[in-house]
């Protein structure tokens, strides 16, 4: 996980320095509920450019979004100097700590969340309240451990059995004190970092519970294609307007992505005047030294990991390809 976080950090830093290195994620949906996503990016420092594409069968519900079938993603890598095909990676990339933990682009998502959290959370943050207890939440806890010295973890899931299992599995793995809690408010109160890693389609906590100095990271993306295609009635969001209104610093992966996808957590609140576009700070801009992010310990900070970006996928893919080459693994294709 530590290597994954640093690879993704490199991708975003380079994108922050050169806006031409990345394009917003694009998606199409067909009537069966199957969607295809494409993420394009280039990371010259990793000597790679290319794309990642993945496909899922999506079933929107009133309060959540479920995936009856998850299919292996594919990363296509080209040499960034001359454009030669370097390799094709088929399958979900996982971290060594959780090799069998399969979530939709789980490693990249968690690493992206960790990079933004590292830039915006208080340096002395040591406790975290987690919403969600499945694959994304597990990856995210490991990722957060790479950027902060965590001591205490609270986990909330609507299903008591799921949060109990999360604590039982992740406690020994992380050597952390993980406490399952029975209410969303308990997860928020007193935590330095609040992380929402759920499949929810509605806000999971009340932003009025937030306390000075806290940081919020949220990952639910957009389902605008499903809404416009008539597959579901409402757009998804994980946080409410109060969270945005009370935050002093608003970090985001991609403003262009939020606009393109009309994301309910960002696009709609801006249109209602809850926040302004100019308040949003892309993490690439912070990494490139163009913005400071958090400036005071008492500020409430917010970070929207609002869609996976190609620079992160290419950076991870290049790292994996290099490891495969060193081990003389993989399959050489005569093309």
C-alpha atoms as a PDB file:
ATOM      1  CA  UNK A   1       0.000   0.000   0.000  1.00  0.00           C
ATOM      2  CA  UNK A   2       2.841   2.401   0.766  1.00  0.00           C
ATOM      3  CA  UNK A   3       4.196   1.939  -2.757  1.00  0.00           C
ATOM      4  CA  UNK A   4       0.734   2.439  -4.250  1.00  0.00           C
ATOM      5  CA  UNK A   5       0.210   5.727  -2.384  1.00  0.00           C
ATOM      6  CA  UNK A   6       3.560   7.093  -3.563  1.00  0.00           C
ATOM      7  CA  UNK A   7       2.926   6.028  -7.176  1.00  0.00           C
ATOM      8  CA  UNK A   8      -0.428   7.805  -7.190  1.00  0.00           C
ATOM      9  CA  UNK A   9       1.109  10.864  -5.531  1.00  0.00           C
ATOM     10  CA  UNK A  10       3.644  11.017  -8.361  1.00  0.00           C
ATOM     11  CA  UNK A  11       0.892  10.841 -10.984  1.00  0.00           C
ATOM     12  CA  UNK A  12      -1.085  13.668  -9.438  1.00  0.00           C
ATOM     13  CA  UNK A  13       1.979  15.838  -8.901  1.00  0.00           C
ATOM     14  CA  UNK A  14       2.905  15.564 -12.573  1.00  0.00           C
ATOM     15  CA  UNK A  15      -0.671  16.294 -13.619  1.00  0.00           C
ATOM     16  CA  UNK A  16      -0.686  19.339 -11.351  1.00  0.00           C
ATOM     17  CA  UNK A  17       2.393  20.601 -13.151  1.00  0.00           C
ATOM     18  CA  UNK A  18       1.047  19.773 -16.635  1.00  0.00           C
ATOM     19  CA  UNK A  19      -2.755  19.821 -17.174  1.00  0.00           C
ATOM     20  CA  UNK A  20      -2.418  17.993 -20.511  1.00  0.00           C
ATOM     21  CA  UNK A  21      -1.442  14.711 -18.847  1.00  0.00           C
ATOM     22  CA  UNK A  22      -4.953  13.609 -17.881  1.00  0.00           C
ATOM     23  CA  UNK A  23      -8.502  13.501 -19.233  1.00  0.00           C
ATOM     24  CA  UNK A  24     -11.714  13.151 -17.203  1.00  0.00           C
ATOM     25  CA  UNK A  25     -13.109   9.659 -16.806  1.00  0.00           C
ATOM     26  CA  UNK A  26     -15.701   8.807 -19.452  1.00  0.00           C
ATOM     27  CA  UNK A  27     -18.560   6.333 -19.057  1.00  0.00           C
ATOM     28  CA  UNK A  28     -21.286   4.777 -21.182  1.00  0.00           C
ATOM     29  CA  UNK A  29     -24.284   2.763 -19.976  1.00  0.00           C
ATOM     30  CA  UNK A  30     -26.446   0.277 -21.867  1.00  0.00           C
ATOM     31  CA  UNK A  31     -30.027  -0.792 -20.950  1.00  0.00           C
ATOM     32  CA  UNK A  32     -28.952  -3.988 -19.178  1.00  0.00           C
ATOM     33  CA  UNK A  33     -27.267  -1.880 -16.504  1.00  0.00           C
ATOM     34  CA  UNK A  34     -23.750  -2.625 -17.761  1.00  0.00           C
ATOM     35  CA  UNK A  35     -21.389   0.354 -17.854  1.00  0.00           C
ATOM     36  CA  UNK A  36     -17.908   0.842 -19.252  1.00  0.00           C
ATOM     37  CA  UNK A  37     -15.452   3.417 -17.856  1.00  0.00           C
ATOM     38  CA  UNK A  38     -12.269   4.701 -19.499  1.00  0.00           C
ATOM     39  CA  UNK A  39      -9.489   6.551 -17.628  1.00  0.00           C
ATOM     40  CA  UNK A  40      -6.672   8.114 -19.679  1.00  0.00           C
ATOM     41  CA  UNK A  41      -3.444   9.554 -18.336  1.00  0.00           C
ATOM     42  CA  UNK A  42       0.280   9.951 -18.766  1.00  0.00           C
ATOM     43  CA  UNK A  43       3.056   9.895 -16.154  1.00  0.00           C
ATOM     44  CA  UNK A  44       6.380  10.821 -17.816  1.00  0.00           C
ATOM     45  CA  UNK A  45       8.325  10.240 -14.600  1.00  0.00           C
ATOM     46  CA  UNK A  46       7.100   6.629 -14.667  1.00  0.00           C
ATOM     47  CA  UNK A  47       7.929   6.460 -18.423  1.00  0.00           C
ATOM     48  CA  UNK A  48       4.345   5.486 -19.208  1.00  0.00           C
ATOM     49  CA  UNK A  49       1.120   6.699 -20.748  1.00  0.00           C
ATOM     50  CA  UNK A  50      -2.082   4.873 -21.583  1.00  0.00           C
ATOM     51  CA  UNK A  51      -5.450   4.008 -20.091  1.00  0.00           C
ATOM     52  CA  UNK A  52      -7.418   1.828 -17.745  1.00  0.00           C
ATOM     53  CA  UNK A  53     -10.864   0.528 -18.621  1.00  0.00           C
ATOM     54  CA  UNK A  54     -13.309  -1.449 -16.513  1.00  0.00           C
ATOM     55  CA  UNK A  55     -16.854  -2.758 -16.809  1.00  0.00           C
ATOM     56  CA  UNK A  56     -19.476  -3.578 -14.178  1.00  0.00           C
ATOM     57  CA  UNK A  57     -23.078  -4.659 -14.094  1.00  0.00           C
ATOM     58  CA  UNK A  58     -24.662  -1.928 -11.961  1.00  0.00           C
ATOM     59  CA  UNK A  59     -27.990  -2.135 -10.132  1.00  0.00           C
ATOM     60  CA  UNK A  60     -29.153   1.202  -8.663  1.00  0.00           C
ATOM     61  CA  UNK A  61     -31.322   1.011  -5.547  1.00  0.00           C
ATOM     62  CA  UNK A  62     -33.103   3.784  -3.661  1.00  0.00           C
ATOM     63  CA  UNK A  63     -30.480   4.126  -0.913  1.00  0.00           C
ATOM     64  CA  UNK A  64     -27.455   2.401  -2.408  1.00  0.00           C
ATOM     65  CA  UNK A  65     -25.836   1.118  -5.590  1.00  0.00           C
ATOM     66  CA  UNK A  66     -24.962  -2.571  -5.850  1.00  0.00           C
ATOM     67  CA  UNK A  67     -22.882  -4.524  -8.344  1.00  0.00           C
ATOM     68  CA  UNK A  68     -24.278  -7.978  -9.263  1.00  0.00           C
ATOM     69  CA  UNK A  69     -21.129  -8.597 -11.296  1.00  0.00           C
ATOM     70  CA  UNK A  70     -17.637  -7.093 -11.138  1.00  0.00           C
ATOM     71  CA  UNK A  71     -15.346  -7.808 -14.079  1.00  0.00           C
ATOM     72  CA  UNK A  72     -11.551  -7.617 -14.396  1.00  0.00           C
ATOM     73  CA  UNK A  73     -10.235  -4.171 -15.375  1.00  0.00           C
ATOM     74  CA  UNK A  74      -7.567  -3.783 -18.059  1.00  0.00           C
ATOM     75  CA  UNK A  75      -4.628  -1.345 -18.067  1.00  0.00           C
ATOM     76  CA  UNK A  76      -2.919  -0.645 -21.400  1.00  0.00           C
ATOM     77  CA  UNK A  77       0.511   0.957 -21.056  1.00  0.00           C
ATOM     78  CA  UNK A  78       2.629   2.674 -23.707  1.00  0.00           C
ATOM     79  CA  UNK A  79       6.135   4.076 -23.492  1.00  0.00           C
ATOM     80  CA  UNK A  80       5.897   7.819 -22.874  1.00  0.00           C
ATOM     81  CA  UNK A  81       8.969   8.594 -24.984  1.00  0.00           C
ATOM     82  CA  UNK A  82       8.156   6.850 -28.274  1.00  0.00           C
ATOM     83  CA  UNK A  83       4.667   5.395 -27.798  1.00  0.00           C
ATOM     84  CA  UNK A  84       5.696   1.729 -27.954  1.00  0.00           C
ATOM     85  CA  UNK A  85       3.255  -0.730 -26.378  1.00  0.00           C
ATOM     86  CA  UNK A  86       4.797  -1.685 -23.018  1.00  0.00           C
ATOM     87  CA  UNK A  87       2.249  -4.071 -21.603  1.00  0.00           C
ATOM     88  CA  UNK A  88      -1.343  -5.023 -20.876  1.00  0.00           C
ATOM     89  CA  UNK A  89      -2.338  -5.745 -17.275  1.00  0.00           C
ATOM     90  CA  UNK A  90      -5.547  -7.747 -16.833  1.00  0.00           C
ATOM     91  CA  UNK A  91      -7.228  -7.981 -13.447  1.00  0.00           C
ATOM     92  CA  UNK A  92      -7.675  -5.978 -10.283  1.00  0.00           C
ATOM     93  CA  UNK A  93      -4.436  -4.731  -8.731  1.00  0.00           C
ATOM     94  CA  UNK A  94      -4.415  -5.470  -5.002  1.00  0.00           C
ATOM     95  CA  UNK A  95      -1.940  -4.662  -2.245  1.00  0.00           C
ATOM     96  CA  UNK A  96       0.218  -7.297  -0.590  1.00  0.00           C
ATOM     97  CA  UNK A  97      -1.474  -6.714   2.770  1.00  0.00           C
ATOM     98  CA  UNK A  98      -4.909  -7.655   1.340  1.00  0.00           C
ATOM     99  CA  UNK A  99      -4.165  -9.737  -1.765  1.00  0.00           C
ATOM    100  CA  UNK A 100      -7.679 -11.175  -2.047  1.00  0.00           C
ATOM    101  CA  UNK A 101      -9.592  -7.953  -1.347  1.00  0.00           C
ATOM    102  CA  UNK A 102     -11.461  -7.209  -4.572  1.00  0.00           C
ATOM    103  CA  UNK A 103     -13.264  -3.875  -4.923  1.00  0.00           C
ATOM    104  CA  UNK A 104     -13.910  -1.801  -8.032  1.00  0.00           C
ATOM    105  CA  UNK A 105     -10.505  -0.172  -8.679  1.00  0.00           C
ATOM    106  CA  UNK A 106     -10.033  -0.516  -4.930  1.00  0.00           C
ATOM    107  CA  UNK A 107      -6.285   0.050  -4.656  1.00  0.00           C
ATOM    108  CA  UNK A 108      -6.224   3.156  -6.840  1.00  0.00           C
ATOM    109  CA  UNK A 109      -9.259   4.628  -5.097  1.00  0.00           C
ATOM    110  CA  UNK A 110      -7.768   4.151  -1.635  1.00  0.00           C
ATOM    111  CA  UNK A 111      -4.366   5.506  -2.657  1.00  0.00           C
ATOM    112  CA  UNK A 112      -6.015   8.586  -4.203  1.00  0.00           C
ATOM    113  CA  UNK A 113      -7.977   9.167  -1.001  1.00  0.00           C
ATOM    114  CA  UNK A 114      -4.792   8.857   1.044  1.00  0.00           C
ATOM    115  CA  UNK A 115      -2.898  11.403  -1.055  1.00  0.00           C
ATOM    116  CA  UNK A 116      -5.642  14.011  -0.662  1.00  0.00           C
ATOM    117  CA  UNK A 117      -6.108  13.270   3.029  1.00  0.00           C
ATOM    118  CA  UNK A 118      -2.376  13.658   3.590  1.00  0.00           C
ATOM    119  CA  UNK A 119      -2.530  17.135   2.057  1.00  0.00           C
ATOM    120  CA  UNK A 120      -5.551  18.339   4.029  1.00  0.00           C
ATOM    121  CA  UNK A 121      -5.897  16.536   7.365  1.00  0.00           C
ATOM    122  CA  UNK A 122      -4.100  17.857  10.440  1.00  0.00           C
ATOM    123  CA  UNK A 123      -0.530  16.513  10.653  1.00  0.00           C
ATOM    124  CA  UNK A 124      -1.244  15.187  14.154  1.00  0.00           C
ATOM    125  CA  UNK A 125      -4.470  13.376  13.188  1.00  0.00           C
ATOM    126  CA  UNK A 126      -4.483   9.979  14.923  1.00  0.00           C
ATOM    127  CA  UNK A 127      -8.115   8.811  14.988  1.00  0.00           C
ATOM    128  CA  UNK A 128     -10.517   7.964  12.191  1.00  0.00           C
ATOM    129  CA  UNK A 129     -14.229   7.284  11.888  1.00  0.00           C
ATOM    130  CA  UNK A 130     -15.007   5.039   8.923  1.00  0.00           C
ATOM    131  CA  UNK A 131     -18.354   4.650   7.196  1.00  0.00           C
ATOM    132  CA  UNK A 132     -18.460   1.356   5.317  1.00  0.00           C
ATOM    133  CA  UNK A 133     -17.048  -2.072   6.121  1.00  0.00           C
ATOM    134  CA  UNK A 134     -16.459  -3.759   2.764  1.00  0.00           C
ATOM    135  CA  UNK A 135     -13.567  -3.875   0.302  1.00  0.00           C
ATOM    136  CA  UNK A 136     -13.151  -0.153  -0.219  1.00  0.00           C
ATOM    137  CA  UNK A 137     -13.171   0.540   3.522  1.00  0.00           C
ATOM    138  CA  UNK A 138     -10.523  -2.119   4.164  1.00  0.00           C
ATOM    139  CA  UNK A 139      -8.208  -0.709   1.495  1.00  0.00           C
ATOM    140  CA  UNK A 140      -8.811   2.807   2.734  1.00  0.00           C
ATOM    141  CA  UNK A 141      -7.829   2.039   6.307  1.00  0.00           C
ATOM    142  CA  UNK A 142      -4.524   0.594   5.102  1.00  0.00           C
ATOM    143  CA  UNK A 143      -3.995   3.611   2.856  1.00  0.00           C
ATOM    144  CA  UNK A 144      -4.703   6.100   5.640  1.00  0.00           C
ATOM    145  CA  UNK A 145      -2.133   4.336   7.808  1.00  0.00           C
ATOM    146  CA  UNK A 146       0.522   5.275   5.252  1.00  0.00           C
ATOM    147  CA  UNK A 147      -0.092   9.013   5.690  1.00  0.00           C
ATOM    148  CA  UNK A 148      -1.009   9.319   9.387  1.00  0.00           C
ATOM    149  CA  UNK A 149       0.012   7.546  12.607  1.00  0.00           C
ATOM    150  CA  UNK A 150      -3.414   6.196  13.478  1.00  0.00           C
ATOM    151  CA  UNK A 151      -4.155   4.952  16.969  1.00  0.00           C
ATOM    152  CA  UNK A 152      -7.927   4.601  17.187  1.00  0.00           C
ATOM    153  CA  UNK A 153     -10.488   3.528  14.594  1.00  0.00           C
ATOM    154  CA  UNK A 154     -14.280   3.578  14.763  1.00  0.00           C
ATOM    155  CA  UNK A 155     -16.262   1.815  12.056  1.00  0.00           C
ATOM    156  CA  UNK A 156     -19.953   2.178  11.253  1.00  0.00           C
ATOM    157  CA  UNK A 157     -22.007   0.111   8.835  1.00  0.00           C
ATOM    158  CA  UNK A 158     -25.767  -0.219   8.684  1.00  0.00           C
ATOM    159  CA  UNK A 159     -25.227  -3.962   9.100  1.00  0.00           C
ATOM    160  CA  UNK A 160     -23.924  -4.746  12.635  1.00  0.00           C
ATOM    161  CA  UNK A 161     -22.411  -8.028  11.473  1.00  0.00           C
ATOM    162  CA  UNK A 162     -20.388  -6.287   8.757  1.00  0.00           C
ATOM    163  CA  UNK A 163     -18.843  -3.765  11.135  1.00  0.00           C
ATOM    164  CA  UNK A 164     -18.036  -6.539  13.619  1.00  0.00           C
ATOM    165  CA  UNK A 165     -16.301  -8.582  10.906  1.00  0.00           C
ATOM    166  CA  UNK A 166     -14.373  -5.519   9.766  1.00  0.00           C
ATOM    167  CA  UNK A 167     -12.991  -5.003  13.268  1.00  0.00           C
ATOM    168  CA  UNK A 168     -12.135  -8.686  13.672  1.00  0.00           C
ATOM    169  CA  UNK A 169     -10.290  -8.868  10.338  1.00  0.00           C
ATOM    170  CA  UNK A 170      -8.588  -5.484  10.208  1.00  0.00           C
ATOM    171  CA  UNK A 171      -7.626  -5.222  13.886  1.00  0.00           C
ATOM    172  CA  UNK A 172      -4.965  -7.973  13.816  1.00  0.00           C
ATOM    173  CA  UNK A 173      -3.801  -6.922  10.338  1.00  0.00           C
ATOM    174  CA  UNK A 174      -3.245  -3.279  11.296  1.00  0.00           C
ATOM    175  CA  UNK A 175      -2.473  -3.708  14.999  1.00  0.00           C
ATOM    176  CA  UNK A 176      -4.980  -0.917  15.660  1.00  0.00           C
ATOM    177  CA  UNK A 177      -7.790  -0.562  18.173  1.00  0.00           C
ATOM    178  CA  UNK A 178     -10.911  -0.834  15.960  1.00  0.00           C
ATOM    179  CA  UNK A 179     -14.281  -0.267  17.595  1.00  0.00           C
ATOM    180  CA  UNK A 180     -17.580  -1.068  15.819  1.00  0.00           C
ATOM    181  CA  UNK A 181     -20.098   1.680  16.634  1.00  0.00           C
ATOM    182  CA  UNK A 182     -23.868   1.576  16.396  1.00  0.00           C
ATOM    183  CA  UNK A 183     -24.644   5.082  15.141  1.00  0.00           C
ATOM    184  CA  UNK A 184     -23.332   7.488  12.498  1.00  0.00           C
ATOM    185  CA  UNK A 185     -22.965  10.268  15.064  1.00  0.00           C
ATOM    186  CA  UNK A 186     -20.706   8.135  17.241  1.00  0.00           C
ATOM    187  CA  UNK A 187     -18.455   7.519  14.246  1.00  0.00           C
ATOM    188  CA  UNK A 188     -18.108  11.270  13.641  1.00  0.00           C
ATOM    189  CA  UNK A 189     -17.753  12.657  17.158  1.00  0.00           C
ATOM    190  CA  UNK A 190     -14.162  12.996  18.311  1.00  0.00           C
ATOM    191  CA  UNK A 191     -12.569  11.552  15.159  1.00  0.00           C
ATOM    192  CA  UNK A 192      -9.760  13.537  13.534  1.00  0.00           C
ATOM    193  CA  UNK A 193     -10.578  12.065  10.109  1.00  0.00           C
ATOM    194  CA  UNK A 194     -14.008  11.010   8.861  1.00  0.00           C
ATOM    195  CA  UNK A 195     -13.914   8.660   5.883  1.00  0.00           C
ATOM    196  CA  UNK A 196     -16.972   7.620   3.884  1.00  0.00           C
ATOM    197  CA  UNK A 197     -16.192   4.517   1.823  1.00  0.00           C
ATOM    198  CA  UNK A 198     -19.681   3.209   1.122  1.00  0.00           C
ATOM    199  CA  UNK A 199     -21.961   2.334  -1.777  1.00  0.00           C
ATOM    200  CA  UNK A 200     -24.603   4.696  -0.398  1.00  0.00           C
ATOM    201  CA  UNK A 201     -26.658   6.933  -2.648  1.00  0.00           C
ATOM    202  CA  UNK A 202     -27.728   9.273   0.177  1.00  0.00           C
ATOM    203  CA  UNK A 203     -25.734  11.254   2.801  1.00  0.00           C
ATOM    204  CA  UNK A 204     -24.421   8.986   5.556  1.00  0.00           C
ATOM    205  CA  UNK A 205     -23.978  11.576   8.341  1.00  0.00           C
ATOM    206  CA  UNK A 206     -25.146  15.043   9.397  1.00  0.00           C
ATOM    207  CA  UNK A 207     -22.572  17.730   8.663  1.00  0.00           C
ATOM    208  CA  UNK A 208     -23.736  19.663  11.718  1.00  0.00           C
ATOM    209  CA  UNK A 209     -21.946  17.037  13.832  1.00  0.00           C
ATOM    210  CA  UNK A 210     -18.540  18.113  12.502  1.00  0.00           C
ATOM    211  CA  UNK A 211     -16.088  19.625  14.992  1.00  0.00           C
ATOM    212  CA  UNK A 212     -13.233  22.134  14.535  1.00  0.00           C
ATOM    213  CA  UNK A 213     -10.071  20.568  13.130  1.00  0.00           C
ATOM    214  CA  UNK A 214     -11.750  17.541  11.585  1.00  0.00           C
ATOM    215  CA  UNK A 215     -11.177  16.333   8.044  1.00  0.00           C
ATOM    216  CA  UNK A 216     -13.692  14.548   5.772  1.00  0.00           C
ATOM    217  CA  UNK A 217     -12.797  12.309   2.820  1.00  0.00           C
ATOM    218  CA  UNK A 218     -15.585  10.928   0.632  1.00  0.00           C
ATOM    219  CA  UNK A 219     -15.435   8.692  -2.455  1.00  0.00           C
ATOM    220  CA  UNK A 220     -18.873   8.180  -4.036  1.00  0.00           C
ATOM    221  CA  UNK A 221     -18.747   9.311  -7.660  1.00  0.00           C
ATOM    222  CA  UNK A 222     -21.418  10.205 -10.174  1.00  0.00           C
ATOM    223  CA  UNK A 223     -24.285   8.190 -11.583  1.00  0.00           C
ATOM    224  CA  UNK A 224     -25.551  10.951 -13.875  1.00  0.00           C
ATOM    225  CA  UNK A 225     -25.469   8.570 -16.844  1.00  0.00           C
ATOM    226  CA  UNK A 226     -27.853   6.233 -15.043  1.00  0.00           C
ATOM    227  CA  UNK A 227     -30.161   9.146 -14.212  1.00  0.00           C
ATOM    228  CA  UNK A 228     -30.180  10.571 -17.730  1.00  0.00           C
ATOM    229  CA  UNK A 229     -30.609   7.090 -19.175  1.00  0.00           C
ATOM    230  CA  UNK A 230     -33.689   6.495 -17.049  1.00  0.00           C
ATOM    231  CA  UNK A 231     -32.105   3.680 -15.008  1.00  0.00           C
ATOM    232  CA  UNK A 232     -32.550   5.455 -11.666  1.00  0.00           C
ATOM    233  CA  UNK A 233     -34.417   8.525 -10.424  1.00  0.00           C
ATOM    234  CA  UNK A 234     -31.857  10.418  -8.340  1.00  0.00           C
ATOM    235  CA  UNK A 235     -28.167  11.265  -8.370  1.00  0.00           C
ATOM    236  CA  UNK A 236     -25.900   9.763  -5.704  1.00  0.00           C
ATOM    237  CA  UNK A 237     -24.177  11.593  -2.881  1.00  0.00           C
ATOM    238  CA  UNK A 238     -22.419  10.546   0.340  1.00  0.00           C
ATOM    239  CA  UNK A 239     -22.284  13.890   2.179  1.00  0.00           C
ATOM    240  CA  UNK A 240     -24.841  16.623   2.779  1.00  0.00           C
ATOM    241  CA  UNK A 241     -24.859  20.371   2.149  1.00  0.00           C
ATOM    242  CA  UNK A 242     -24.045  21.102   5.796  1.00  0.00           C
ATOM    243  CA  UNK A 243     -20.706  19.294   5.421  1.00  0.00           C
ATOM    244  CA  UNK A 244     -19.793  21.476   2.450  1.00  0.00           C
ATOM    245  CA  UNK A 245     -21.056  24.685   4.030  1.00  0.00           C
ATOM    246  CA  UNK A 246     -19.162  24.130   7.287  1.00  0.00           C
ATOM    247  CA  UNK A 247     -15.868  23.181   5.622  1.00  0.00           C
ATOM    248  CA  UNK A 248     -13.243  25.892   5.291  1.00  0.00           C
ATOM    249  CA  UNK A 249     -11.127  24.110   2.676  1.00  0.00           C
ATOM    250  CA  UNK A 250     -12.610  22.076  -0.178  1.00  0.00           C
ATOM    251  CA  UNK A 251     -10.206  19.673  -1.877  1.00  0.00           C
ATOM    252  CA  UNK A 252     -11.127  17.697  -4.976  1.00  0.00           C
ATOM    253  CA  UNK A 253      -9.516  15.363  -7.486  1.00  0.00           C
ATOM    254  CA  UNK A 254     -10.890  17.029 -10.621  1.00  0.00           C
ATOM    255  CA  UNK A 255     -13.127  20.080 -11.021  1.00  0.00           C
ATOM    256  CA  UNK A 256     -13.609  19.256 -14.697  1.00  0.00           C
ATOM    257  CA  UNK A 257     -14.878  15.801 -13.721  1.00  0.00           C
ATOM    258  CA  UNK A 258     -17.398  17.292 -11.294  1.00  0.00           C
ATOM    259  CA  UNK A 259     -18.750  19.550 -14.024  1.00  0.00           C
ATOM    260  CA  UNK A 260     -18.799  16.894 -16.743  1.00  0.00           C
ATOM    261  CA  UNK A 261     -20.616  14.389 -14.512  1.00  0.00           C
ATOM    262  CA  UNK A 262     -22.863  16.968 -12.786  1.00  0.00           C
ATOM    263  CA  UNK A 263     -21.887  15.309  -9.510  1.00  0.00           C
ATOM    264  CA  UNK A 264     -24.500  15.578  -6.790  1.00  0.00           C
ATOM    265  CA  UNK A 265     -21.955  16.158  -4.006  1.00  0.00           C
ATOM    266  CA  UNK A 266     -20.366  19.122  -5.807  1.00  0.00           C
ATOM    267  CA  UNK A 267     -22.138  20.306  -8.958  1.00  0.00           C
ATOM    268  CA  UNK A 268     -25.602  20.597  -7.424  1.00  0.00           C
ATOM    269  CA  UNK A 269     -24.504  22.377  -4.199  1.00  0.00           C
ATOM    270  CA  UNK A 270     -22.540  24.890  -6.299  1.00  0.00           C
ATOM    271  CA  UNK A 271     -25.636  25.579  -8.391  1.00  0.00           C
ATOM    272  CA  UNK A 272     -27.626  26.113  -5.202  1.00  0.00           C
ATOM    273  CA  UNK A 273     -25.037  28.531  -3.834  1.00  0.00           C
ATOM    274  CA  UNK A 274     -23.858  26.329  -0.962  1.00  0.00           C
ATOM    275  CA  UNK A 275     -20.238  26.689  -2.161  1.00  0.00           C
ATOM    276  CA  UNK A 276     -18.555  28.312  -5.164  1.00  0.00           C
ATOM    277  CA  UNK A 277     -16.415  26.755  -7.877  1.00  0.00           C
ATOM    278  CA  UNK A 278     -13.503  28.992  -6.924  1.00  0.00           C
ATOM    279  CA  UNK A 279     -13.459  27.439  -3.435  1.00  0.00           C
ATOM    280  CA  UNK A 280     -12.497  24.039  -4.850  1.00  0.00           C
ATOM    281  CA  UNK A 281      -8.796  23.141  -4.814  1.00  0.00           C
ATOM    282  CA  UNK A 282      -7.491  20.258  -6.899  1.00  0.00           C
ATOM    283  CA  UNK A 283      -4.961  18.078  -5.091  1.00  0.00           C
ATOM    284  CA  UNK A 284      -2.653  18.303  -8.093  1.00  0.00           C
ATOM    285  CA  UNK A 285      -2.439  22.062  -7.561  1.00  0.00           C
ATOM    286  CA  UNK A 286      -1.400  21.536  -3.930  1.00  0.00           C
ATOM    287  CA  UNK A 287       1.217  18.957  -4.933  1.00  0.00           C
ATOM    288  CA  UNK A 288       2.548  21.319  -7.594  1.00  0.00           C
ATOM    289  CA  UNK A 289       2.902  24.075  -4.984  1.00  0.00           C
ATOM    290  CA  UNK A 290       0.180  26.306  -6.425  1.00  0.00           C
ATOM    291  CA  UNK A 291      -2.070  26.137  -3.336  1.00  0.00           C
ATOM    292  CA  UNK A 292      -1.577  25.618   0.382  1.00  0.00           C
ATOM    293  CA  UNK A 293      -4.680  23.607   1.283  1.00  0.00           C
ATOM    294  CA  UNK A 294      -5.167  23.601   5.076  1.00  0.00           C
ATOM    295  CA  UNK A 295      -3.600  26.626   6.792  1.00  0.00           C
ATOM    296  CA  UNK A 296      -4.993  26.391  10.343  1.00  0.00           C
ATOM    297  CA  UNK A 297      -5.387  23.521  12.783  1.00  0.00           C
ATOM    298  CA  UNK A 298      -8.971  24.477  13.663  1.00  0.00           C
ATOM    299  CA  UNK A 299     -10.214  24.450  10.071  1.00  0.00           C
ATOM    300  CA  UNK A 300     -12.677  21.796   8.939  1.00  0.00           C
ATOM    301  CA  UNK A 301     -11.329  20.370   5.685  1.00  0.00           C
ATOM    302  CA  UNK A 302     -13.144  18.394   3.023  1.00  0.00           C
ATOM    303  CA  UNK A 303     -11.789  16.213   0.210  1.00  0.00           C
ATOM    304  CA  UNK A 304     -13.851  14.794  -2.613  1.00  0.00           C
ATOM    305  CA  UNK A 305     -12.200  11.839  -4.320  1.00  0.00           C
ATOM    306  CA  UNK A 306     -14.686  12.411  -7.102  1.00  0.00           C
ATOM    307  CA  UNK A 307     -13.555   9.889  -9.749  1.00  0.00           C
ATOM    308  CA  UNK A 308     -10.582   7.750 -10.594  1.00  0.00           C
ATOM    309  CA  UNK A 309      -8.123   9.476 -12.908  1.00  0.00           C
ATOM    310  CA  UNK A 310      -5.897   7.936 -15.555  1.00  0.00           C
ATOM    311  CA  UNK A 311      -2.693   9.379 -14.100  1.00  0.00           C
ATOM    312  CA  UNK A 312      -3.230   7.251 -11.004  1.00  0.00           C
ATOM    313  CA  UNK A 313      -4.017   4.086 -12.962  1.00  0.00           C
ATOM    314  CA  UNK A 314      -1.044   4.530 -15.284  1.00  0.00           C
ATOM    315  CA  UNK A 315       1.285   5.214 -12.353  1.00  0.00           C
ATOM    316  CA  UNK A 316       0.126   2.045 -10.601  1.00  0.00           C
ATOM    317  CA  UNK A 317       0.269   0.026 -13.801  1.00  0.00           C
ATOM    318  CA  UNK A 318       3.823   1.175 -14.509  1.00  0.00           C
ATOM    319  CA  UNK A 319       4.837   0.152 -10.986  1.00  0.00           C
ATOM    320  CA  UNK A 320       3.308  -3.306 -11.427  1.00  0.00           C
ATOM    321  CA  UNK A 321       4.888  -3.763 -14.865  1.00  0.00           C
ATOM    322  CA  UNK A 322       8.313  -2.910 -13.478  1.00  0.00           C
ATOM    323  CA  UNK A 323       7.883  -5.485 -10.698  1.00  0.00           C
ATOM    324  CA  UNK A 324       6.811  -8.127 -13.229  1.00  0.00           C
ATOM    325  CA  UNK A 325       9.862  -7.435 -15.388  1.00  0.00           C
ATOM    326  CA  UNK A 326      12.250  -7.708 -12.435  1.00  0.00           C
ATOM    327  CA  UNK A 327      10.753 -11.088 -11.580  1.00  0.00           C
ATOM    328  CA  UNK A 328      10.821 -12.185 -15.259  1.00  0.00           C
ATOM    329  CA  UNK A 329       7.096 -12.822 -14.899  1.00  0.00           C
ATOM    330  CA  UNK A 330       4.118 -12.223 -17.125  1.00  0.00           C
ATOM    331  CA  UNK A 331       3.709 -13.454 -20.681  1.00  0.00           C
ATOM    332  CA  UNK A 332       5.671 -12.008 -23.607  1.00  0.00           C
ATOM    333  CA  UNK A 333       3.480 -11.482 -26.674  1.00  0.00           C
ATOM    334  CA  UNK A 334       4.881 -11.558 -30.213  1.00  0.00           C
ATOM    335  CA  UNK A 335       3.131  -8.545 -31.712  1.00  0.00           C
END
